[in-house]
PDB file of N, CA and C in Angstrom:
ATOM      1  N   UNK A   1       9.910  27.264  84.956  1.00  0.00           N
ATOM      2  CA  UNK A   1       9.766  28.572  84.911  1.00  0.00           C
ATOM      3  C   UNK A   1      11.084  29.064  84.356  1.00  0.00           C
ATOM      4  N   UNK A   2      11.042  30.061  83.382  1.00  0.00           N
ATOM      5  CA  UNK A   2      12.087  30.827  82.545  1.00  0.00           C
ATOM      6  C   UNK A   2      12.738  31.700  83.481  1.00  0.00           C
ATOM      7  N   UNK A   3      14.074  31.713  83.587  1.00  0.00           N
ATOM      8  CA  UNK A   3      14.883  32.830  84.021  1.00  0.00           C
ATOM      9  C   UNK A   3      15.336  33.819  83.424  1.00  0.00           C
ATOM     10  N   UNK A   4      15.534  35.198  83.909  1.00  0.00           N
ATOM     11  CA  UNK A   4      15.996  36.160  83.398  1.00  0.00           C
ATOM     12  C   UNK A   4      17.107  36.753  83.993  1.00  0.00           C
ATOM     13  N   UNK A   5      18.005  37.830  83.398  1.00  0.00           N
ATOM     14  CA  UNK A   5      19.111  38.193  84.143  1.00  0.00           C
ATOM     15  C   UNK A   5      18.875  39.616  84.317  1.00  0.00           C
ATOM     16  N   UNK A   6      19.195  40.185  85.457  1.00  0.00           N
ATOM     17  CA  UNK A   6      19.120  41.475  85.913  1.00  0.00           C
ATOM     18  C   UNK A   6      20.298  41.930  86.632  1.00  0.00           C
ATOM     19  N   UNK A   7      20.468  43.193  86.798  1.00  0.00           N
ATOM     20  CA  UNK A   7      21.633  43.751  87.614  1.00  0.00           C
ATOM     21  C   UNK A   7      20.993  44.535  88.752  1.00  0.00           C
ATOM     22  N   UNK A   8      21.246  44.122  90.080  1.00  0.00           N
ATOM     23  CA  UNK A   8      20.774  44.683  91.076  1.00  0.00           C
ATOM     24  C   UNK A   8      21.987  45.215  91.942  1.00  0.00           C
ATOM     25  N   UNK A   9      22.263  46.570  92.260  1.00  0.00           N
ATOM     26  CA  UNK A   9      23.456  47.293  92.498  1.00  0.00           C
ATOM     27  C   UNK A   9      24.486  46.878  92.222  1.00  0.00           C
ATOM     28  N   UNK A  10      24.382  46.684  90.675  1.00  0.00           N
ATOM     29  CA  UNK A  10      25.807  46.266  89.914  1.00  0.00           C
ATOM     30  C   UNK A  10      26.136  44.837  89.696  1.00  0.00           C
ATOM     31  N   UNK A  11      25.285  43.986  90.654  1.00  0.00           N
ATOM     32  CA  UNK A  11      25.474  42.476  90.451  1.00  0.00           C
ATOM     33  C   UNK A  11      24.568  41.844  89.781  1.00  0.00           C
ATOM     34  N   UNK A  12      25.112  41.023  88.949  1.00  0.00           N
ATOM     35  CA  UNK A  12      23.921  40.166  88.139  1.00  0.00           C
ATOM     36  C   UNK A  12      23.054  39.210  88.924  1.00  0.00           C
ATOM     37  N   UNK A  13      22.049  39.225  88.722  1.00  0.00           N
ATOM     38  CA  UNK A  13      21.065  38.237  89.456  1.00  0.00           C
ATOM     39  C   UNK A  13      20.252  37.348  88.659  1.00  0.00           C
ATOM     40  N   UNK A  14      19.901  36.064  88.673  1.00  0.00           N
ATOM     41  CA  UNK A  14      18.789  35.563  87.841  1.00  0.00           C
ATOM     42  C   UNK A  14      17.663  35.454  88.965  1.00  0.00           C
ATOM     43  N   UNK A  15      16.414  35.759  88.127  1.00  0.00           N
ATOM     44  CA  UNK A  15      15.293  35.690  88.711  1.00  0.00           C
ATOM     45  C   UNK A  15      14.253  35.047  87.942  1.00  0.00           C
ATOM     46  N   UNK A  16      13.161  34.659  88.301  1.00  0.00           N
ATOM     47  CA  UNK A  16      12.002  34.061  87.496  1.00  0.00           C
ATOM     48  C   UNK A  16      11.459  35.097  86.804  1.00  0.00           C
ATOM     49  N   UNK A  17      10.976  34.811  85.618  1.00  0.00           N
ATOM     50  CA  UNK A  17      10.543  35.948  84.488  1.00  0.00           C
ATOM     51  C   UNK A  17       9.451  36.865  84.798  1.00  0.00           C
ATOM     52  N   UNK A  18       8.477  36.314  85.547  1.00  0.00           N
ATOM     53  CA  UNK A  18       7.302  37.037  85.881  1.00  0.00           C
ATOM     54  C   UNK A  18       7.426  37.695  87.150  1.00  0.00           C
ATOM     55  N   UNK A  19       8.668  38.153  87.702  1.00  0.00           N
ATOM     56  CA  UNK A  19       8.748  38.677  89.109  1.00  0.00           C
ATOM     57  C   UNK A  19       8.414  40.157  89.078  1.00  0.00           C
ATOM     58  N   UNK A  20       7.720  40.517  89.858  1.00  0.00           N
ATOM     59  CA  UNK A  20       7.413  41.934  90.335  1.00  0.00           C
ATOM     60  C   UNK A  20       8.661  42.684  91.273  1.00  0.00           C
ATOM     61  N   UNK A  21       8.539  44.002  90.841  1.00  0.00           N
ATOM     62  CA  UNK A  21       9.426  44.873  91.735  1.00  0.00           C
ATOM     63  C   UNK A  21       9.360  44.293  93.070  1.00  0.00           C
ATOM     64  N   UNK A  22       7.962  44.462  93.606  1.00  0.00           N
ATOM     65  CA  UNK A  22       7.893  44.333  95.320  1.00  0.00           C
ATOM     66  C   UNK A  22       8.559  42.933  95.598  1.00  0.00           C
ATOM     67  N   UNK A  23       8.164  42.147  94.754  1.00  0.00           N
ATOM     68  CA  UNK A  23       8.534  40.463  95.034  1.00  0.00           C
ATOM     69  C   UNK A  23      10.058  40.483  95.323  1.00  0.00           C
ATOM     70  N   UNK A  24      10.748  41.142  94.411  1.00  0.00           N
ATOM     71  CA  UNK A  24      12.275  41.260  94.434  1.00  0.00           C
ATOM     72  C   UNK A  24      12.734  41.834  95.803  1.00  0.00           C
ATOM     73  N   UNK A  25      11.973  43.037  96.071  1.00  0.00           N
ATOM     74  CA  UNK A  25      12.373  43.850  97.418  1.00  0.00           C
ATOM     75  C   UNK A  25      12.224  42.817  98.566  1.00  0.00           C
ATOM     76  N   UNK A  26      11.079  41.936  98.629  1.00  0.00           N
ATOM     77  CA  UNK A  26      10.889  41.148  99.856  1.00  0.00           C
ATOM     78  C   UNK A  26      11.735  40.163  99.771  1.00  0.00           C
ATOM     79  N   UNK A  27      12.262  39.577  98.593  1.00  0.00           N
ATOM     80  CA  UNK A  27      13.171  38.382  98.653  1.00  0.00           C
ATOM     81  C   UNK A  27      14.504  38.745  99.103  1.00  0.00           C
ATOM     82  N   UNK A  28      14.910  40.090  98.899  1.00  0.00           N
ATOM     83  CA  UNK A  28      16.258  40.615  99.382  1.00  0.00           C
ATOM     84  C   UNK A  28      16.118  41.248 100.944  1.00  0.00           C
ATOM     85  N   UNK A  29      14.729  41.098 101.620  1.00  0.00           N
ATOM     86  CA  UNK A  29      14.650  41.382 102.952  1.00  0.00           C
ATOM     87  C   UNK A  29      15.110  42.725 102.933  1.00  0.00           C
ATOM     88  N   UNK A  30      14.642  43.847 102.239  1.00  0.00           N
ATOM     89  CA  UNK A  30      14.983  45.072 102.458  1.00  0.00           C
ATOM     90  C   UNK A  30      14.044  45.875 102.890  1.00  0.00           C
ATOM     91  N   UNK A  31      14.022  46.653 104.151  1.00  0.00           N
ATOM     92  CA  UNK A  31      13.016  47.455 104.719  1.00  0.00           C
ATOM     93  C   UNK A  31      12.504  48.442 103.648  1.00  0.00           C
ATOM     94  N   UNK A  32      11.427  48.396 103.083  1.00  0.00           N
ATOM     95  CA  UNK A  32      10.966  49.642 101.912  1.00  0.00           C
ATOM     96  C   UNK A  32      11.052  50.642 102.527  1.00  0.00           C
ATOM     97  N   UNK A  33      10.851  51.108 103.749  1.00  0.00           N
ATOM     98  CA  UNK A  33      10.557  52.667 104.229  1.00  0.00           C
ATOM     99  C   UNK A  33      11.940  53.301 104.167  1.00  0.00           C
ATOM    100  N   UNK A  34      13.310  52.481 104.095  1.00  0.00           N
ATOM    101  CA  UNK A  34      14.342  53.010 104.304  1.00  0.00           C
ATOM    102  C   UNK A  34      15.271  53.137 102.894  1.00  0.00           C
ATOM    103  N   UNK A  35      14.462  52.884 101.871  1.00  0.00           N
ATOM    104  CA  UNK A  35      15.199  52.782 100.670  1.00  0.00           C
ATOM    105  C   UNK A  35      14.492  53.411  99.638  1.00  0.00           C
ATOM    106  N   UNK A  36      15.302  53.985  98.641  1.00  0.00           N
ATOM    107  CA  UNK A  36      14.648  54.581  97.274  1.00  0.00           C
ATOM    108  C   UNK A  36      15.143  53.472  96.131  1.00  0.00           C
ATOM    109  N   UNK A  37      14.150  53.106  95.387  1.00  0.00           N
ATOM    110  CA  UNK A  37      14.552  52.279  94.117  1.00  0.00           C
ATOM    111  C   UNK A  37      14.663  52.811  92.754  1.00  0.00           C
ATOM    112  N   UNK A  38      15.553  52.482  92.001  1.00  0.00           N
ATOM    113  CA  UNK A  38      15.592  53.175  90.759  1.00  0.00           C
ATOM    114  C   UNK A  38      15.612  51.952  89.755  1.00  0.00           C
ATOM    115  N   UNK A  39      14.769  51.993  88.839  1.00  0.00           N
ATOM    116  CA  UNK A  39      14.749  51.202  87.828  1.00  0.00           C
ATOM    117  C   UNK A  39      15.153  51.704  86.394  1.00  0.00           C
ATOM    118  N   UNK A  40      16.379  51.156  85.782  1.00  0.00           N
ATOM    119  CA  UNK A  40      16.813  51.725  84.498  1.00  0.00           C
ATOM    120  C   UNK A  40      16.942  53.227  84.713  1.00  0.00           C
ATOM    121  N   UNK A  41      17.498  53.790  85.861  1.00  0.00           N
ATOM    122  CA  UNK A  41      17.743  55.267  85.982  1.00  0.00           C
ATOM    123  C   UNK A  41      16.464  55.971  86.242  1.00  0.00           C
ATOM    124  N   UNK A  42      15.343  55.449  86.604  1.00  0.00           N
ATOM    125  CA  UNK A  42      14.176  56.359  87.052  1.00  0.00           C
ATOM    126  C   UNK A  42      13.721  55.918  88.379  1.00  0.00           C
ATOM    127  N   UNK A  43      13.584  56.623  88.925  1.00  0.00           N
ATOM    128  CA  UNK A  43      13.072  56.363  90.549  1.00  0.00           C
ATOM    129  C   UNK A  43      11.531  55.835  90.396  1.00  0.00           C
ATOM    130  N   UNK A  44      11.368  54.823  91.182  1.00  0.00           N
ATOM    131  CA  UNK A  44      10.122  54.212  91.029  1.00  0.00           C
ATOM    132  C   UNK A  44       9.209  54.659  92.418  1.00  0.00           C
ATOM    133  N   UNK A  45       7.916  54.967  92.254  1.00  0.00           N
ATOM    134  CA  UNK A  45       7.132  55.358  93.568  1.00  0.00           C
ATOM    135  C   UNK A  45       6.788  53.968  94.123  1.00  0.00           C
ATOM    136  N   UNK A  46       6.959  54.112  95.346  1.00  0.00           N
ATOM    137  CA  UNK A  46       6.921  52.673  96.225  1.00  0.00           C
ATOM    138  C   UNK A  46       5.303  52.177  96.048  1.00  0.00           C
ATOM    139  N   UNK A  47       4.578  53.006  95.709  1.00  0.00           N
ATOM    140  CA  UNK A  47       3.012  52.630  95.824  1.00  0.00           C
ATOM    141  C   UNK A  47       2.679  51.819  94.470  1.00  0.00           C
ATOM    142  N   UNK A  48       3.750  52.022  93.523  1.00  0.00           N
ATOM    143  CA  UNK A  48       3.424  51.259  92.393  1.00  0.00           C
ATOM    144  C   UNK A  48       4.434  50.045  92.052  1.00  0.00           C
ATOM    145  N   UNK A  49       5.141  49.455  93.177  1.00  0.00           N
ATOM    146  CA  UNK A  49       6.139  48.479  92.883  1.00  0.00           C
ATOM    147  C   UNK A  49       5.444  47.167  92.675  1.00  0.00           C
ATOM    148  N   UNK A  50       4.348  47.116  92.979  1.00  0.00           N
ATOM    149  CA  UNK A  50       3.533  45.792  92.647  1.00  0.00           C
ATOM    150  C   UNK A  50       2.950  45.902  91.270  1.00  0.00           C
ATOM    151  N   UNK A  51       3.011  46.881  90.756  1.00  0.00           N
ATOM    152  CA  UNK A  51       2.494  46.901  89.284  1.00  0.00           C
ATOM    153  C   UNK A  51       3.667  46.856  88.127  1.00  0.00           C
ATOM    154  N   UNK A  52       4.979  47.177  88.646  1.00  0.00           N
ATOM    155  CA  UNK A  52       6.176  47.053  87.981  1.00  0.00           C
ATOM    156  C   UNK A  52       6.746  45.517  87.717  1.00  0.00           C
ATOM    157  N   UNK A  53       6.483  44.895  86.545  1.00  0.00           N
ATOM    158  CA  UNK A  53       7.297  43.713  86.214  1.00  0.00           C
ATOM    159  C   UNK A  53       8.582  43.902  85.483  1.00  0.00           C
ATOM    160  N   UNK A  54       9.533  43.215  86.391  1.00  0.00           N
ATOM    161  CA  UNK A  54      10.924  43.091  85.906  1.00  0.00           C
ATOM    162  C   UNK A  54      11.303  42.505  84.523  1.00  0.00           C
ATOM    163  N   UNK A  55      11.742  43.262  83.667  1.00  0.00           N
ATOM    164  CA  UNK A  55      12.155  42.523  82.541  1.00  0.00           C
ATOM    165  C   UNK A  55      13.516  42.171  82.228  1.00  0.00           C
ATOM    166  N   UNK A  56      13.864  41.194  81.423  1.00  0.00           N
ATOM    167  CA  UNK A  56      15.427  40.823  81.219  1.00  0.00           C
ATOM    168  C   UNK A  56      16.089  41.782  80.935  1.00  0.00           C
ATOM    169  N   UNK A  57      17.300  42.228  81.504  1.00  0.00           N
ATOM    170  CA  UNK A  57      18.437  43.214  81.132  1.00  0.00           C
ATOM    171  C   UNK A  57      18.162  44.498  82.053  1.00  0.00           C
ATOM    172  N   UNK A  58      17.157  44.483  82.806  1.00  0.00           N
ATOM    173  CA  UNK A  58      16.718  45.716  83.802  1.00  0.00           C
ATOM    174  C   UNK A  58      17.903  45.960  84.716  1.00  0.00           C
ATOM    175  N   UNK A  59      18.265  47.266  85.033  1.00  0.00           N
ATOM    176  CA  UNK A  59      19.012  47.411  86.005  1.00  0.00           C
ATOM    177  C   UNK A  59      18.705  48.272  87.259  1.00  0.00           C
ATOM    178  N   UNK A  60      18.544  47.485  88.521  1.00  0.00           N
ATOM    179  CA  UNK A  60      17.867  48.076  89.478  1.00  0.00           C
ATOM    180  C   UNK A  60      18.984  48.485  90.466  1.00  0.00           C
ATOM    181  N   UNK A  61      18.796  49.640  91.136  1.00  0.00           N
ATOM    182  CA  UNK A  61      19.710  50.450  92.086  1.00  0.00           C
ATOM    183  C   UNK A  61      18.784  50.510  93.614  1.00  0.00           C
ATOM    184  N   UNK A  62      19.119  49.798  94.647  1.00  0.00           N
ATOM    185  CA  UNK A  62      18.386  50.239  95.723  1.00  0.00           C
ATOM    186  C   UNK A  62      19.238  50.896  96.783  1.00  0.00           C
ATOM    187  N   UNK A  63      18.738  52.238  96.942  1.00  0.00           N
ATOM    188  CA  UNK A  63      19.658  53.233  97.757  1.00  0.00           C
ATOM    189  C   UNK A  63      19.078  53.203  99.310  1.00  0.00           C
ATOM    190  N   UNK A  64      19.724  52.775 100.013  1.00  0.00           N
ATOM    191  CA  UNK A  64      19.489  52.847 101.584  1.00  0.00           C
ATOM    192  C   UNK A  64      19.717  54.384 102.161  1.00  0.00           C
ATOM    193  N   UNK A  65      18.727  54.707 103.143  1.00  0.00           N
ATOM    194  CA  UNK A  65      18.807  56.036 103.523  1.00  0.00           C
ATOM    195  C   UNK A  65      19.366  55.978 104.884  1.00  0.00           C
ATOM    196  N   UNK A  66      20.359  56.691 105.217  1.00  0.00           N
ATOM    197  CA  UNK A  66      21.178  56.530 106.589  1.00  0.00           C
ATOM    198  C   UNK A  66      21.091  57.849 107.336  1.00  0.00           C
ATOM    199  N   UNK A  67      20.507  57.846 108.461  1.00  0.00           N
ATOM    200  CA  UNK A  67      20.456  59.062 109.194  1.00  0.00           C
ATOM    201  C   UNK A  67      21.550  59.325 109.836  1.00  0.00           C
ATOM    202  N   UNK A  68      21.484  60.844 110.438  1.00  0.00           N
ATOM    203  CA  UNK A  68      22.941  61.056 110.925  1.00  0.00           C
ATOM    204  C   UNK A  68      22.972  62.649 111.001  1.00  0.00           C
ATOM    205  N   UNK A  69      24.139  63.175 111.664  1.00  0.00           N
ATOM    206  CA  UNK A  69      23.710  64.538 111.622  1.00  0.00           C
ATOM    207  C   UNK A  69      25.185  65.127 111.716  1.00  0.00           C
TER     208      UNK A  69
END
């Protein structure tokens, strides 16, 4: 299977060509309810993660929400 290069939070990562955003989040073991996901500077609706196929060169930022007061 062909690999593509993407950037996740500033780090280069190689993933399989037909990876969906939901698969990437699962593989990184990130709790989906506690993050915001940005793909190429556009916030992605969590309901649409399964529909978004990652492309070569994509830049993904995953921001964790931190509670406090």
